[in-house]
Protein backbone atom coordinates (compact mmCIF):
# COMPACT_ATOMS: atom_id res chain seq x y z
CA UNK A 1 12.81 -9.62 -39.47
CA UNK A 2 15.33 -12.44 -39.63
CA UNK A 3 17.53 -10.84 -36.97
CA UNK A 4 14.94 -8.93 -34.94
CA UNK A 5 11.68 -9.80 -33.28
CA UNK A 6 9.21 -8.68 -30.64
CA UNK A 7 9.77 -10.27 -27.24
CA UNK A 8 6.65 -9.76 -25.16
CA UNK A 9 5.88 -10.41 -21.50
CA UNK A 10 2.29 -10.87 -20.38
CA UNK A 11 0.51 -10.54 -17.04
CA UNK A 12 -3.24 -10.98 -16.73
CA UNK A 13 -6.03 -12.33 -14.56
CA UNK A 14 -6.78 -16.05 -14.80
CA UNK A 15 -8.91 -17.08 -17.77
CA UNK A 16 -8.56 -13.72 -19.50
CA UNK A 17 -9.70 -14.32 -23.07
CA UNK A 18 -7.28 -11.88 -24.68
CA UNK A 19 -4.37 -13.48 -22.82
CA UNK A 20 -5.06 -16.85 -24.41
CA UNK A 21 -5.47 -15.29 -27.84
CA UNK A 22 -2.04 -13.64 -27.68
CA UNK A 23 -0.46 -16.95 -26.69
CA UNK A 24 -2.06 -18.78 -29.62
CA UNK A 25 -1.12 -16.02 -32.09
CA UNK A 26 2.48 -16.23 -30.95
CA UNK A 27 2.60 -20.04 -31.13
CA UNK A 28 1.10 -20.13 -34.63
CA UNK A 29 3.33 -17.29 -35.86
CA UNK A 30 0.27 -15.13 -36.53
CA UNK A 31 2.19 -12.30 -34.91
CA UNK A 32 5.97 -11.82 -35.14
CA UNK A 33 6.44 -12.08 -31.40
CA UNK A 34 7.80 -14.39 -28.76
CA UNK A 35 5.33 -14.37 -25.88
CA UNK A 36 6.14 -15.22 -22.23
CA UNK A 37 3.21 -15.62 -19.86
CA UNK A 38 3.80 -14.54 -16.26
CA UNK A 39 1.63 -16.03 -13.54
CA UNK A 40 2.52 -13.50 -10.83
CA UNK A 41 3.90 -10.00 -10.55
CA UNK A 42 7.00 -11.43 -8.88
CA UNK A 43 7.69 -13.58 -11.94
CA UNK A 44 7.30 -10.55 -14.20
CA UNK A 45 9.74 -8.54 -12.10
CA UNK A 46 12.26 -11.42 -12.05
CA UNK A 47 12.18 -11.63 -15.83
CA UNK A 48 12.62 -7.87 -16.15
CA UNK A 49 15.60 -7.98 -13.79
CA UNK A 50 17.13 -11.02 -15.47
CA UNK A 51 19.20 -9.07 -17.98
CA UNK A 52 17.39 -10.27 -21.10
CA UNK A 53 15.95 -7.49 -23.28
CA UNK A 54 12.20 -7.40 -23.77
CA UNK A 55 10.19 -5.35 -26.23
CA UNK A 56 7.13 -4.76 -24.11
CA UNK A 57 4.87 -6.04 -21.36
CA UNK A 58 1.15 -6.59 -21.88
CA UNK A 59 -0.45 -5.76 -18.53
CA UNK A 60 -4.00 -6.41 -17.39
CA UNK A 61 -5.33 -3.07 -16.10
CA UNK A 62 -7.82 -4.89 -13.87
CA UNK A 63 -5.11 -6.40 -11.67
CA UNK A 64 -4.59 -4.50 -8.39
CA UNK A 65 -0.83 -5.02 -8.69
CA UNK A 66 -0.69 -3.19 -12.01
CA UNK A 67 0.02 0.38 -10.97
CA UNK A 68 2.42 3.24 -11.49
CA UNK A 69 5.35 1.39 -9.90
CA UNK A 70 4.94 -1.70 -12.07
CA UNK A 71 4.65 0.39 -15.23
CA UNK A 72 7.80 2.25 -14.25
CA UNK A 73 9.59 -1.05 -13.55
CA UNK A 74 8.81 -2.11 -17.12
CA UNK A 75 10.15 1.19 -18.44
CA UNK A 76 13.25 0.97 -16.26
CA UNK A 77 14.00 -2.41 -17.82
CA UNK A 78 14.02 -0.77 -21.26
CA UNK A 79 10.65 -2.15 -22.34
CA UNK A 80 7.33 -0.57 -23.24
CA UNK A 81 4.19 -0.99 -21.13
CA UNK A 82 0.95 -1.74 -22.99
CA UNK A 83 -2.14 -1.92 -20.76
CA UNK A 84 -5.20 -3.97 -21.69
CA UNK A 85 -8.02 -2.28 -19.82
CA UNK A 86 -11.78 -2.76 -19.56
CA UNK A 87 -12.21 0.82 -18.24
CA UNK A 88 -14.03 -0.30 -15.11
CA UNK A 89 -11.57 1.79 -13.11
CA UNK A 90 -10.95 5.40 -14.03
CA UNK A 91 -7.21 5.38 -14.61
CA UNK A 92 -5.25 7.42 -17.10
CA UNK A 93 -2.70 4.75 -17.98
CA UNK A 94 -0.87 6.96 -20.45
CA UNK A 95 -0.31 9.55 -17.72
CA UNK A 96 1.02 6.74 -15.53
CA UNK A 97 3.64 5.82 -18.10
CA UNK A 98 1.96 3.32 -20.43
CA UNK A 99 2.64 3.72 -24.13
CA UNK A 100 -0.90 2.75 -25.14
CA UNK A 101 -4.17 1.33 -23.80
CA UNK A 102 -5.70 -1.63 -25.64
CA UNK A 103 -9.27 -2.96 -25.36
CA UNK A 104 -10.05 -6.30 -23.71
CA UNK A 105 -11.67 -7.36 -26.99
CA UNK A 106 -8.16 -7.45 -28.38
CA UNK A 107 -7.88 -8.40 -32.02
CA UNK A 108 -4.78 -9.48 -33.88
CA UNK A 109 -4.88 -6.35 -36.04
CA UNK A 110 -5.08 -4.01 -33.03
CA UNK A 111 -2.17 -5.77 -31.34
CA UNK A 112 -0.04 -5.68 -34.49
CA UNK A 113 -0.74 -1.98 -34.91
CA UNK A 114 0.25 -1.28 -31.29
CA UNK A 115 3.45 -3.30 -31.64
CA UNK A 116 4.41 -1.54 -34.86
CA UNK A 117 3.61 1.90 -33.44
CA UNK A 118 5.01 1.79 -29.92
CA UNK A 119 7.24 -1.24 -29.44
CA UNK A 120 10.88 -1.69 -30.51
CA UNK A 121 12.23 -4.90 -31.99
CA UNK A 122 14.81 -6.88 -30.03
CA UNK A 123 17.98 -7.96 -31.88
CA UNK A 124 18.58 -11.68 -31.68
CA UNK A 125 22.37 -11.53 -31.46
CA UNK A 126 22.82 -8.73 -28.97
CA UNK A 127 21.13 -7.28 -25.95
CA UNK A 128 21.57 -3.50 -25.99
CA UNK A 129 19.48 -1.41 -23.61
CA UNK A 130 16.24 -0.35 -25.21
CA UNK A 131 14.75 3.14 -25.26
CA UNK A 132 11.10 3.65 -24.52
CA UNK A 133 10.80 6.40 -27.07
CA UNK A 134 12.23 9.25 -25.07
CA UNK A 135 8.82 10.40 -23.94
CA UNK A 136 8.61 12.85 -21.09
CA UNK A 137 8.04 11.61 -17.59
CA UNK A 138 4.49 11.42 -16.39
CA UNK A 139 5.33 13.99 -13.72
CA UNK A 140 6.39 16.60 -16.27
CA UNK A 141 3.36 18.83 -15.81
CA UNK A 142 2.86 22.49 -16.63
CA UNK A 143 2.61 23.74 -13.05
CA UNK A 144 5.91 24.94 -11.54
CA UNK A 145 7.49 23.21 -8.58
CA UNK A 146 7.22 24.76 -5.14
CA UNK A 147 10.10 25.09 -2.75
CA UNK A 148 11.05 22.44 -0.22
CA UNK A 149 12.37 22.88 3.31
CA UNK A 150 13.35 19.76 5.25
CA UNK A 151 13.65 19.77 9.04
CA UNK A 152 15.42 16.97 10.87
CA UNK A 153 17.37 16.34 14.03
CA UNK A 154 18.29 13.78 16.68
CA UNK A 155 15.47 12.64 18.92
CA UNK A 156 14.36 15.03 21.62
CA UNK A 157 15.65 18.23 20.01
CA UNK A 158 12.25 19.66 19.10
CA UNK A 159 12.64 19.21 15.34
CA UNK A 160 8.90 18.64 14.84
CA UNK A 161 8.08 21.85 16.69
CA UNK A 162 10.70 23.73 14.68
CA UNK A 163 9.10 22.42 11.47
CA UNK A 164 5.70 23.71 12.62
CA UNK A 165 7.21 27.08 13.56
CA UNK A 166 8.88 27.34 10.15
CA UNK A 167 5.61 26.57 8.37
CA UNK A 168 3.85 29.19 10.49
CA UNK A 169 6.50 31.79 9.74
CA UNK A 170 6.34 31.10 6.01
CA UNK A 171 2.55 31.11 6.08
CA UNK A 172 2.53 34.60 7.60
CA UNK A 173 5.16 35.94 5.21
CA UNK A 174 3.91 38.41 2.64
CA UNK A 175 3.44 36.77 -0.74
CA UNK A 176 4.45 33.35 0.53
CA UNK A 177 1.54 31.58 -1.13
CA UNK A 178 0.14 28.26 0.06
CA UNK A 179 2.31 26.39 2.57
CA UNK A 180 1.99 22.76 3.64
CA UNK A 181 3.64 21.02 6.57
CA UNK A 182 4.17 17.38 5.56
CA UNK A 183 4.79 14.92 8.39
CA UNK A 184 7.23 12.51 6.74
CA UNK A 185 8.82 11.26 9.95
CA UNK A 186 8.83 7.52 10.56
CA UNK A 187 7.29 8.11 13.99
CA UNK A 188 4.80 10.78 12.94
CA UNK A 189 3.70 13.16 15.71
CA UNK A 190 2.31 16.22 13.95
CA UNK A 191 -1.27 14.94 14.29
CA UNK A 192 -0.79 14.89 18.07
CA UNK A 193 1.02 18.23 18.16
CA UNK A 194 -1.81 19.85 16.20
CA UNK A 195 -4.60 17.98 18.04
CA UNK A 196 -6.15 17.08 14.70
CA UNK A 197 -8.52 14.56 16.21
CA UNK A 198 -8.27 12.28 13.20
CA UNK A 199 -5.71 10.02 11.54
CA UNK A 200 -6.89 10.14 7.92
CA UNK A 201 -6.25 11.27 5.29
CA UNK A 202 -2.47 11.41 5.32
CA UNK A 203 0.66 10.46 3.47
CA UNK A 204 -0.56 6.89 2.97
CA UNK A 205 -3.66 8.15 1.15
CA UNK A 206 -1.50 10.54 -0.88
CA UNK A 207 0.69 7.68 -2.07
CA UNK A 208 -2.26 5.39 -2.71
CA UNK A 209 -3.91 8.08 -4.83
CA UNK A 210 -0.82 8.22 -7.03
CA UNK A 211 -0.50 4.47 -7.53
CA UNK A 212 -2.98 4.45 -10.36
CA UNK A 213 -3.86 8.07 -11.11
CA UNK A 214 -2.60 11.63 -11.36
CA UNK A 215 -4.70 13.65 -8.88
CA UNK A 216 -5.43 17.31 -9.52
CA UNK A 217 -4.24 20.16 -7.32
CA UNK A 218 -7.63 20.31 -5.64
CA UNK A 219 -7.59 16.58 -4.92
CA UNK A 220 -4.10 16.80 -3.42
CA UNK A 221 -5.05 19.73 -1.19
CA UNK A 222 -8.16 17.84 -0.08
CA UNK A 223 -5.85 15.29 1.57
CA UNK A 224 -4.51 17.95 3.96
CA UNK A 225 -5.93 19.72 7.01
CA UNK A 226 -6.00 23.51 7.09
CA UNK A 227 -4.45 25.06 10.21
CA UNK A 228 -6.23 28.39 10.02
CA UNK A 229 -4.54 30.27 12.87
CA UNK A 230 -1.06 29.42 11.60
CA UNK A 231 -1.92 29.83 7.90
CA UNK A 232 -0.67 26.53 6.56
CA UNK A 233 -1.96 23.11 5.61
CA UNK A 234 -0.98 19.87 7.35
CA UNK A 235 -0.39 16.48 5.74
CA UNK A 236 -0.60 13.78 8.39
CA UNK A 237 2.09 11.11 8.55
CA UNK A 238 2.19 7.34 8.94
CA UNK A 239 -0.37 5.93 11.34
CA UNK A 240 2.20 3.36 12.51
CA UNK A 241 5.94 3.46 11.99
CA UNK A 242 5.90 0.01 10.39
CA UNK A 243 3.55 1.22 7.66
CA UNK A 244 6.52 2.58 5.70
CA UNK A 245 6.42 -0.76 3.89
CA UNK A 246 3.14 0.26 2.20
CA UNK A 247 4.74 3.23 0.43
CA UNK A 248 5.65 2.36 -3.15
CA UNK A 249 8.77 4.34 -4.17
CA UNK A 250 7.47 5.52 -7.53
CA UNK A 251 4.04 6.41 -6.18
CA UNK A 252 5.60 8.34 -3.29
CA UNK A 253 7.85 10.24 -5.70
CA UNK A 254 4.79 11.17 -7.75
CA UNK A 255 2.91 12.22 -4.62
CA UNK A 256 5.81 14.37 -3.47
CA UNK A 257 5.95 16.08 -6.85
CA UNK A 258 2.20 16.70 -6.66
CA UNK A 259 2.64 18.39 -3.30
CA UNK A 260 5.31 20.64 -4.76
CA UNK A 261 2.97 21.59 -7.60
CA UNK A 262 0.00 22.12 -5.29
CA UNK A 263 1.75 24.34 -2.74
CA UNK A 264 4.22 27.20 -2.97
CA UNK A 265 6.34 25.80 -0.14
CA UNK A 266 6.51 22.28 1.29
CA UNK A 267 7.95 22.01 4.81
CA UNK A 268 8.92 18.40 5.58
CA UNK A 269 9.33 17.03 9.09
CA UNK A 270 11.63 14.03 8.52
CA UNK A 271 13.55 11.49 10.57
CA UNK A 272 17.32 12.03 10.63
CA UNK A 273 18.06 8.62 9.10
CA UNK A 274 19.26 8.69 5.51
CA UNK A 275 20.94 5.32 5.02
CA UNK A 276 20.49 3.81 1.59
CA UNK A 277 21.27 0.54 -0.12
CA UNK A 278 24.82 1.67 -0.87
CA UNK A 279 25.43 2.33 2.84
CA UNK A 280 23.73 -0.65 4.44
CA UNK A 281 23.65 -3.15 1.58
CA UNK A 282 19.90 -3.50 1.93
CA UNK A 283 17.20 -2.22 -0.39
CA UNK A 284 14.73 -2.47 2.50
CA UNK A 285 16.73 0.07 4.49
CA UNK A 286 16.62 2.52 1.62
CA UNK A 287 12.87 2.07 1.22
CA UNK A 288 12.41 2.53 4.97
CA UNK A 289 14.16 5.89 4.67
CA UNK A 290 12.42 6.77 1.40
CA UNK A 291 10.53 9.79 2.74
CA UNK A 292 13.52 11.35 4.47
CA UNK A 293 15.89 10.77 1.56
CA UNK A 294 13.43 12.16 -1.00
CA UNK A 295 12.68 15.29 1.03
CA UNK A 296 16.31 16.06 1.82
CA UNK A 297 17.56 15.40 -1.70
CA UNK A 298 14.99 17.78 -3.17
CA UNK A 299 15.14 20.36 -0.38
CA UNK A 300 16.24 23.91 -1.11
CA UNK A 301 17.13 24.26 2.58
CA UNK A 302 17.72 21.57 5.22
CA UNK A 303 17.34 22.66 8.84
CA UNK A 304 19.37 20.40 11.16
CA UNK A 305 18.07 20.91 14.69
CA UNK A 306 20.17 20.30 17.79
CA UNK A 307 20.42 21.29 21.43
CA UNK A 308 23.15 23.22 23.25
CA UNK A 309 25.75 21.45 25.35
CA UNK A 310 28.22 18.65 24.79
CA UNK A 311 25.69 15.96 23.92
CA UNK A 312 23.58 18.26 21.77
CA UNK A 313 26.54 19.55 19.76
CA UNK A 314 27.87 16.03 19.23
CA UNK A 315 24.50 14.77 17.97
CA UNK A 316 24.06 17.79 15.68
CA UNK A 317 27.49 17.26 14.12
CA UNK A 318 26.57 13.63 13.47
CA UNK A 319 23.44 14.70 11.59
CA UNK A 320 25.44 17.23 9.58
CA UNK A 321 27.84 14.46 8.59
CA UNK A 322 25.00 12.19 7.48
CA UNK A 323 23.53 14.99 5.38
CA UNK A 324 26.90 15.59 3.74
CA UNK A 325 27.25 11.84 3.06
CA UNK A 326 23.89 11.93 1.29
CA UNK A 327 25.23 14.63 -1.01
CA UNK A 328 23.63 17.73 0.51
CA UNK A 329 25.74 20.81 -0.16
CA UNK A 330 26.85 22.85 2.84
CA UNK A 331 25.16 25.94 1.43
CA UNK A 332 21.80 24.17 1.69
CA UNK A 333 22.25 23.25 5.35
CA UNK A 334 21.18 25.55 8.20
CA UNK A 335 22.11 24.31 11.70
CA UNK A 336 19.56 25.26 14.35
CA UNK A 337 20.32 25.33 18.07
CA UNK A 338 16.99 25.00 19.86
CA UNK A 339 16.51 26.34 23.40
CA UNK A 340 19.78 28.22 22.99
CA UNK A 341 21.38 30.09 25.91
CA UNK A 342 20.64 33.81 26.08
CA UNK A 343 24.16 35.01 26.90
CA UNK A 344 26.11 36.09 23.77
CA UNK A 345 29.32 34.52 25.06
CA UNK A 346 27.71 31.09 25.42
CA UNK A 347 26.22 31.36 21.94
CA UNK A 348 29.60 32.29 20.51
CA UNK A 349 31.21 29.29 22.20
CA UNK A 350 28.53 26.99 20.79
CA UNK A 351 28.99 28.39 17.28
CA UNK A 352 32.79 28.05 17.50
CA UNK A 353 32.59 24.45 18.74
CA UNK A 354 30.10 23.56 16.02
CA UNK A 355 32.27 25.11 13.31
CA UNK A 356 35.38 23.28 14.50
CA UNK A 357 33.72 19.88 14.80
CA UNK A 358 31.59 20.10 11.65
CA UNK A 359 34.36 21.24 9.29
CA UNK A 360 35.82 17.72 8.76
CA UNK A 361 32.44 16.05 8.13
CA UNK A 362 31.44 18.81 5.69
CA UNK A 363 34.54 18.33 3.58
CA UNK A 364 36.63 21.07 5.17
CA UNK A 365 34.48 23.88 3.80
CA UNK A 366 32.95 26.73 5.71
CA UNK A 367 30.41 25.62 8.30
CA UNK A 368 27.08 27.45 8.01
CA UNK A 369 26.36 29.81 10.89
CA UNK A 370 23.78 28.33 13.26
CA UNK A 371 20.40 29.85 13.98
CA UNK A 372 19.77 30.25 17.71
CA UNK A 373 16.20 29.81 18.89
CA UNK A 374 15.41 31.11 22.38
CA UNK A 375 13.43 29.00 24.79
CA UNK A 376 9.74 29.86 24.73
CA UNK A 377 6.52 28.46 26.18
CA UNK A 378 5.85 26.13 23.28
CA UNK A 379 4.03 23.54 25.39
CA UNK A 380 1.26 26.00 26.24
CA UNK A 381 0.77 26.90 22.58
CA UNK A 382 0.55 23.23 21.62
CA UNK A 383 -1.86 22.48 24.43
CA UNK A 384 -4.13 25.41 23.55
CA UNK A 385 -3.83 24.80 19.78
CA UNK A 386 -2.78 28.39 19.07
CA UNK A 387 0.07 29.90 17.09
CA UNK A 388 3.60 29.20 18.26
CA UNK A 389 5.13 32.10 20.20
CA UNK A 390 7.35 34.78 18.71
CA UNK A 391 10.08 35.11 17.65
CA UNK A 392 10.41 31.44 16.60
CA UNK A 393 8.35 31.54 13.36
CA UNK A 394 9.84 34.84 12.16
CA UNK A 395 13.43 33.79 12.90
CA UNK A 396 13.07 30.53 10.97
CA UNK A 397 11.27 32.16 8.04
CA UNK A 398 14.05 34.74 7.89
CA UNK A 399 16.68 32.00 7.87
CA UNK A 400 14.87 30.25 5.03
CA UNK A 401 14.72 33.49 3.04
CA UNK A 402 18.41 34.20 3.65
CA UNK A 403 19.40 30.70 2.55
CA UNK A 404 17.38 30.84 -0.66
CA UNK A 405 17.44 34.46 -1.77
CA UNK A 406 20.70 34.14 -3.67
CA UNK A 407 19.60 31.03 -5.55
CA UNK A 408 15.83 31.25 -5.83
CA UNK A 409 14.80 34.85 -5.28
CA UNK A 410 12.37 36.20 -2.73
CA UNK A 411 9.94 34.02 -0.80
CA UNK A 412 6.84 33.28 -2.79
CA UNK A 413 8.44 33.47 -6.22
CA UNK A 414 7.91 30.36 -8.29
CA UNK A 415 10.00 30.11 -11.44
CA UNK A 416 7.83 30.23 -14.51
CA UNK A 417 4.74 31.35 -12.58
CA UNK A 418 4.82 34.92 -13.90
CA UNK A 419 5.03 36.23 -17.48
CA UNK A 420 8.11 38.12 -18.59
CA UNK A 421 7.71 41.51 -20.25
CA UNK A 422 9.21 41.87 -23.72
CA UNK A 423 10.94 45.18 -24.42
CA UNK A 424 9.68 46.93 -27.56
CA UNK A 425 11.95 46.21 -30.51
CA UNK A 426 13.64 43.24 -28.83
CA UNK A 427 11.80 40.52 -30.73
CA UNK A 428 14.12 38.98 -33.30
CA UNK A 429 17.21 40.53 -31.76
CA UNK A 430 20.17 38.26 -31.06
CA UNK A 431 20.97 38.22 -27.35
CA UNK A 432 24.56 37.14 -27.89
CA UNK A 433 25.95 39.36 -30.60
CA UNK A 434 23.60 42.30 -30.45
CA UNK A 435 22.72 41.97 -34.14
CA UNK A 436 19.56 40.93 -35.92
CA UNK A 437 18.62 37.42 -37.00
């Protein structure tokens, strides 16, 4: 104890009785801890980012600012989060990342027991990074993850319609399971394209639900609208483009994982803007592009939608380059030429030009063959709120299957969702040497 001690941060509502008790116990050496009171969340975050190691943070569960993101910020700093909660709000703090939940009638003995059980000591002479115990992430649930398809493209290429057609095609595929079309574009338009007639719930409610809880599959699906004729669900997007600032990164990541566990396939309509802090030198830019970056990074297939012609090919190559810069492998990218010409010669010229121009931005590797979508009367289908015309949904669903079959198996298969038969006599047999254990 001469060289190690507990270094504790505290954040609570004004005049919280337990907060004053902890301060007095620390001052009188009744507990072996150095206690730092934080008046605001910003002060707590500044201390966590200051480079000094801390053992834990005592957080008041009644504060609105104490949520999943703040708990994760404590963990990212190498400390342990202990929540003092009066249970007025139904929040599973342990599922949100807290090591333990303490009562508001906090006694010295209870605090000492929590410190000894969950909190590491901080060496006085050095500041090594601390481990929070190696516990599993709060998103590590039993349900398997569904597949992800991201659809993006320059403005005016019909990427949102292509995303809807892909979701429709997957929804009608045999054994595809539940499909959701998530509008994650900064300027969300799927509510208008589907004539939903409402603006809530949507992605903002999904993120808010994950700030302080872990919703069930039924609760996540309740935040979507069912598009019966097209056989998929729809998650509405931002009500205003500027509302991206309300999306907490950790809560959005948890919400995205919940969607993947609630649906077999998640089709994401995203904005083709993937700049991050490393590119622009601004954390705000990365948070503005949070939805697009998350969807593309986790996508099994990324459909990059463009138009034919000089301008369309140039814009499509630019998007392919931005995807490659984000770290998306060429094998996960499927270029799509929307409203493609019908003549085979013109299609061949477009494919050749795309391959030649995209090769340098994709690292010199083989350019994926584009998918050509013929021009159809999409406007009438959108106006009448009926299924999108053939062959658009089937072509896109086939492209998704072709891009994933080698890596993930047939459409509708979810790893770990089915039991594996055990051959008689194989139990106890070594799979490497053929002998018996």
